[in-house]
Amino acid sequence: TEDVYNVPHVLTRLYKTRLPVRHAVMRGTSYVQVCYALESHTDTVARSIGMDPLEFRKLTVSRSSFHPLLETCGDMIGWRTGRTAEDQGVGIALCHHGGRQLGVVAAEVTVDRSGGRISVDRLCGTFDIGLVINRNTLTMGTKGAMLWGLGYALREEVALDGHRSHTSSFADYHIARFSDTPPIEVAFLDNEAPGAPRGCGELPVIPTIGAICNAVYDAIGIRFYELPMTPERVKQALAEAWDPTFAI
């Protein structure tokens, strides 16, 4: 937390869990879960005091280098233009990854209440990673990483029952498809430590998840604490919000 936000009092608890199956690493390992939780919490705090989530982040980030990233990403997504479309929302999230790699991602989503499907309409990302050597390759890799984050948020899940995994192939592990791919816009800044290239492989994956989750909350007022946000989970959450005694 201290690498991202100025928080004077922090208490961290770690819990060790015995997993029923062997596990391996994932892209953005360890940062993925922590950033999703932290950015969801940050959004919750901002809204609880009636403050704009982007402005709240600008006031609390620990590094001034985040300011141009937040401003640029907000402008790219049209943060201040306002929205009147029902069940449409925008969200933003940021990440400090791998030493001096900084990133901000904003998402615009639409939620279909009848079917529970979340459509990501646009993704925008701003990244401070030092000198850009090959812009074409970097842009494609960054967009691919953001799409990977979309998959984590909405589709990808390993089904466990406490004894074994029921997910054994890509036939039942649902990655994002071309039909899920929204327009993606990226920009690269060089403010943190101008000069040396610092890489951008895993970074774009991580804040994309939080941005989508925060956009969903902005759209329908429901905070999800479990991923992915599948249509079944969305429908159940909407039903419970309407009637807490309802169960699917």
Protein backbone atom coordinates (compact mmCIF):
# COMPACT_ATOMS: atom_id res chain seq x y z
CA THR A 1 0.00 0.00 0.00
CA GLU A 2 2.74 2.46 0.88
CA ASP A 3 4.09 2.12 -2.67
CA VAL A 4 0.83 3.45 -4.11
CA TYR A 5 -1.13 5.52 -1.58
CA ASN A 6 -0.22 7.67 1.39
CA VAL A 7 -1.87 5.73 4.21
CA PRO A 8 -0.58 6.66 7.68
CA HIS A 9 -1.98 3.59 9.47
CA VAL A 10 -1.96 0.15 7.87
CA LEU A 11 -2.54 -3.27 9.38
CA THR A 12 -1.81 -6.25 7.13
CA ARG A 13 -2.77 -9.84 7.92
CA LEU A 14 -1.52 -12.80 5.91
CA TYR A 15 -3.40 -16.10 5.85
CA LYS A 16 -1.85 -19.38 4.77
CA THR A 17 -4.24 -21.69 2.96
CA ARG A 18 -3.78 -25.32 2.03
CA LEU A 19 -4.85 -25.73 -1.59
CA PRO A 20 -6.44 -28.98 -2.76
CA VAL A 21 -4.48 -29.06 -6.00
CA ARG A 22 -1.03 -28.08 -7.23
CA HIS A 23 -0.76 -24.52 -8.39
CA ALA A 24 1.41 -22.57 -10.79
CA VAL A 25 2.17 -18.92 -11.44
CA MET A 26 -0.03 -16.49 -13.36
CA ARG A 27 0.79 -13.37 -15.32
CA GLY A 28 1.26 -10.58 -12.82
CA THR A 29 1.49 -13.10 -9.98
CA SER A 30 0.73 -11.73 -6.48
CA TYR A 31 0.03 -8.24 -7.82
CA VAL A 32 -3.20 -9.38 -9.50
CA GLN A 33 -5.15 -10.24 -6.35
CA VAL A 34 -3.68 -7.45 -4.23
CA CYS A 35 -4.31 -4.70 -6.78
CA TYR A 36 -7.89 -5.88 -7.42
CA ALA A 37 -8.61 -5.74 -3.69
CA LEU A 38 -6.78 -2.46 -3.08
CA GLU A 39 -8.38 -0.61 -5.99
CA SER A 40 -11.84 -1.91 -5.09
CA HIS A 41 -11.27 -0.72 -1.52
CA THR A 42 -9.98 2.67 -2.70
CA ASP A 43 -13.08 3.17 -4.81
CA THR A 44 -15.29 2.20 -1.88
CA VAL A 45 -13.58 4.71 0.42
CA ALA A 46 -13.86 7.50 -2.16
CA ARG A 47 -17.56 6.90 -2.74
CA SER A 48 -18.29 6.56 0.99
CA ILE A 49 -17.17 10.16 1.53
CA GLY A 50 -18.90 11.41 -1.62
CA MET A 51 -15.71 12.02 -3.55
CA ASP A 52 -14.92 11.39 -7.20
CA PRO A 53 -12.74 8.23 -7.39
CA LEU A 54 -10.25 9.80 -9.81
CA GLU A 55 -9.85 12.97 -7.74
CA PHE A 56 -9.51 10.91 -4.57
CA ARG A 57 -6.63 8.99 -6.09
CA LYS A 58 -4.91 12.19 -7.19
CA LEU A 59 -4.98 13.41 -3.60
CA THR A 60 -3.75 10.20 -2.01
CA VAL A 61 -1.17 8.65 -4.37
CA SER A 62 2.32 8.45 -2.95
CA ARG A 63 4.07 9.40 -6.21
CA SER A 64 3.43 12.60 -8.14
CA SER A 65 4.28 10.64 -11.30
CA PHE A 66 0.80 9.13 -11.08
CA HIS A 67 -0.84 12.55 -11.61
CA PRO A 68 -0.23 12.88 -15.38
CA LEU A 69 -1.17 9.22 -15.83
CA LEU A 70 -4.47 9.74 -14.03
CA GLU A 71 -5.21 12.96 -15.87
CA THR A 72 -4.41 11.54 -19.30
CA CYS A 73 -6.28 8.29 -18.73
CA GLY A 74 -9.30 10.21 -17.42
CA ASP A 75 -9.32 12.41 -20.52
CA MET A 76 -9.00 9.38 -22.81
CA ILE A 77 -12.02 7.61 -21.29
CA GLY A 78 -14.03 10.85 -21.06
CA TRP A 79 -14.21 10.75 -17.28
CA ARG A 80 -15.70 14.22 -16.80
CA THR A 81 -18.20 14.15 -19.65
CA GLY A 82 -20.90 12.50 -17.55
CA ARG A 83 -23.14 9.58 -18.50
CA THR A 84 -26.87 9.20 -18.69
CA ALA A 85 -27.15 5.73 -20.22
CA GLU A 86 -28.75 3.26 -17.86
CA ASP A 87 -26.52 0.45 -16.54
CA GLN A 88 -23.41 2.01 -18.04
CA GLY A 89 -20.42 2.95 -15.91
CA VAL A 90 -16.77 3.92 -15.88
CA GLY A 91 -14.04 2.86 -13.49
CA ILE A 92 -10.35 3.48 -12.97
CA ALA A 93 -7.50 1.68 -11.23
CA LEU A 94 -3.75 2.06 -10.93
CA CYS A 95 -0.71 -0.05 -10.17
CA HIS A 96 2.95 0.29 -9.20
CA HIS A 97 4.67 -2.82 -10.47
CA GLY A 98 8.20 -4.16 -10.67
CA GLY A 99 10.13 -1.26 -9.19
CA ARG A 100 9.39 1.81 -11.34
CA GLN A 101 6.63 0.68 -13.68
CA LEU A 102 3.49 2.76 -13.17
CA GLY A 103 0.15 2.23 -14.89
CA VAL A 104 -3.42 3.52 -14.87
CA VAL A 105 -6.32 1.82 -16.68
CA ALA A 106 -9.87 3.08 -17.16
CA ALA A 107 -12.82 1.00 -18.37
CA GLU A 108 -16.28 1.73 -19.67
CA VAL A 109 -18.84 -1.06 -19.30
CA THR A 110 -22.49 -1.82 -19.94
CA VAL A 111 -24.35 -4.39 -17.84
CA ASP A 112 -27.25 -6.38 -19.28
CA ARG A 113 -29.48 -6.94 -16.26
CA SER A 114 -31.69 -9.56 -17.90
CA GLY A 115 -28.85 -11.83 -18.98
CA GLY A 116 -26.22 -10.75 -16.45
CA ARG A 117 -23.62 -10.16 -19.15
CA ILE A 118 -21.01 -7.44 -18.71
CA SER A 119 -19.80 -5.84 -21.92
CA VAL A 120 -16.58 -3.87 -21.82
CA ASP A 121 -17.19 -1.05 -24.27
CA ARG A 122 -13.76 0.62 -24.06
CA LEU A 123 -10.42 0.30 -22.30
CA CYS A 124 -7.86 3.09 -21.96
CA GLY A 125 -4.43 2.79 -20.38
CA THR A 126 -1.56 5.15 -19.57
CA PHE A 127 1.83 3.77 -18.59
CA ASP A 128 5.07 5.27 -17.32
CA ILE A 129 7.77 2.74 -18.25
CA GLY A 130 10.71 4.84 -19.38
CA LEU A 131 12.12 4.90 -22.88
CA VAL A 132 9.95 3.26 -25.55
CA ILE A 133 12.16 1.41 -28.03
CA ASN A 134 9.69 -0.34 -30.35
CA ARG A 135 6.32 1.39 -30.12
CA ASN A 136 4.44 -1.00 -32.40
CA THR A 137 5.50 -4.11 -30.50
CA LEU A 138 4.93 -2.43 -27.15
CA THR A 139 1.46 -1.22 -28.13
CA MET A 140 0.35 -4.67 -29.30
CA GLY A 141 1.79 -6.36 -26.22
CA THR A 142 0.13 -3.83 -23.94
CA LYS A 143 -3.27 -4.23 -25.57
CA GLY A 144 -2.92 -8.00 -25.32
CA ALA A 145 -2.11 -7.74 -21.62
CA MET A 146 -5.16 -5.52 -21.03
CA LEU A 147 -7.30 -8.11 -22.80
CA TRP A 148 -5.81 -10.73 -20.51
CA GLY A 149 -6.94 -8.61 -17.55
CA LEU A 150 -10.42 -8.51 -19.06
CA GLY A 151 -10.35 -12.31 -19.12
CA TYR A 152 -9.43 -12.47 -15.43
CA ALA A 153 -12.27 -10.08 -14.58
CA LEU A 154 -15.06 -11.67 -16.61
CA ARG A 155 -14.27 -15.18 -17.89
CA GLU A 156 -11.29 -17.13 -16.56
CA GLU A 157 -11.91 -19.50 -13.66
CA VAL A 158 -10.59 -22.80 -12.36
CA ALA A 159 -13.45 -24.76 -10.77
CA LEU A 160 -12.47 -26.53 -7.53
CA ASP A 161 -14.61 -28.57 -5.16
CA GLY A 162 -12.16 -28.89 -2.26
CA HIS A 163 -10.70 -32.12 -3.58
CA ARG A 164 -9.84 -31.67 -7.22
CA SER A 165 -10.01 -29.37 -10.21
CA HIS A 166 -12.86 -29.70 -12.68
CA THR A 167 -11.07 -27.48 -15.19
CA SER A 168 -8.70 -29.54 -17.28
CA SER A 169 -8.54 -27.89 -20.71
CA PHE A 170 -9.39 -24.76 -22.66
CA ALA A 171 -12.72 -26.38 -23.46
CA ASP A 172 -13.88 -25.46 -19.95
CA TYR A 173 -11.43 -22.62 -19.19
CA HIS A 174 -12.94 -19.62 -20.93
CA ILE A 175 -10.46 -17.03 -22.14
CA ALA A 176 -11.45 -13.73 -23.76
CA ARG A 177 -12.34 -13.99 -27.45
CA PHE A 178 -12.28 -11.53 -30.32
CA SER A 179 -15.97 -10.90 -29.67
CA ASP A 180 -15.05 -9.74 -26.14
CA THR A 181 -12.36 -7.35 -27.36
CA PRO A 182 -13.33 -3.66 -27.04
CA PRO A 183 -11.55 -0.67 -28.58
CA ILE A 184 -8.33 -0.22 -26.58
CA GLU A 185 -6.37 3.04 -26.46
CA VAL A 186 -2.95 3.33 -24.82
CA ALA A 187 -0.45 6.11 -24.17
CA PHE A 188 3.10 6.02 -22.81
CA LEU A 189 4.58 8.73 -20.58
CA ASP A 190 8.09 9.04 -19.22
CA ASN A 191 8.01 10.97 -15.94
CA GLU A 192 9.06 8.64 -13.12
CA ALA A 193 12.70 8.26 -14.09
CA PRO A 194 13.19 9.48 -17.67
CA GLY A 195 15.52 7.46 -19.81
CA ALA A 196 16.11 3.77 -19.25
CA PRO A 197 13.38 1.37 -20.49
CA ARG A 198 11.66 -0.50 -17.67
CA GLY A 199 9.36 -2.95 -19.43
CA CYS A 200 5.58 -3.32 -19.65
CA GLY A 201 4.85 -7.04 -19.85
CA GLU A 202 2.72 -7.85 -16.81
CA LEU A 203 1.82 -4.31 -15.72
CA PRO A 204 -1.21 -3.68 -18.01
CA VAL A 205 -2.93 -6.89 -16.87
CA ILE A 206 -3.17 -5.84 -13.27
CA PRO A 207 -5.09 -2.53 -13.06
CA THR A 208 -7.41 -3.59 -15.90
CA ILE A 209 -9.19 -5.96 -13.52
CA GLY A 210 -9.84 -3.30 -10.89
CA ALA A 211 -10.92 -0.77 -13.51
CA ILE A 212 -13.57 -3.14 -14.88
CA CYS A 213 -14.82 -4.05 -11.39
CA ASN A 214 -15.09 -0.38 -10.43
CA ALA A 215 -16.92 0.39 -13.68
CA VAL A 216 -19.44 -2.36 -12.93
CA TYR A 217 -20.08 -0.83 -9.53
CA ASP A 218 -20.58 2.55 -11.19
CA ALA A 219 -23.09 0.96 -13.58
CA ILE A 220 -25.28 -1.05 -11.19
CA GLY A 221 -24.13 -0.17 -7.67
CA ILE A 222 -22.96 -3.69 -6.77
CA ARG A 223 -19.46 -4.52 -5.57
CA PHE A 224 -18.13 -7.96 -6.50
CA TYR A 225 -15.69 -9.65 -4.12
CA GLU A 226 -15.23 -12.78 -6.21
CA LEU A 227 -13.97 -13.12 -9.75
CA PRO A 228 -14.74 -13.69 -12.53
CA MET A 229 -17.96 -11.66 -12.77
CA THR A 230 -19.83 -14.26 -14.78
CA PRO A 231 -23.42 -13.74 -15.97
CA GLU A 232 -24.61 -16.21 -13.32
CA ARG A 233 -22.93 -14.26 -10.52
CA VAL A 234 -24.19 -10.95 -11.86
CA LYS A 235 -27.78 -12.22 -12.03
CA GLN A 236 -27.55 -13.63 -8.52
CA ALA A 237 -26.11 -10.37 -7.17
CA LEU A 238 -28.85 -8.34 -8.85
CA ALA A 239 -31.51 -10.66 -7.48
CA GLU A 240 -30.08 -10.46 -3.96
CA ALA A 241 -29.84 -6.67 -4.17
CA TRP A 242 -33.55 -6.57 -5.01
CA ASP A 243 -34.50 -9.25 -2.48
CA PRO A 244 -31.81 -10.33 0.08
CA THR A 245 -33.76 -13.56 0.77
CA PHE A 246 -33.60 -14.61 -2.87
CA ALA A 247 -31.33 -17.54 -3.77
CA ILE A 248 -30.63 -19.07 -7.18
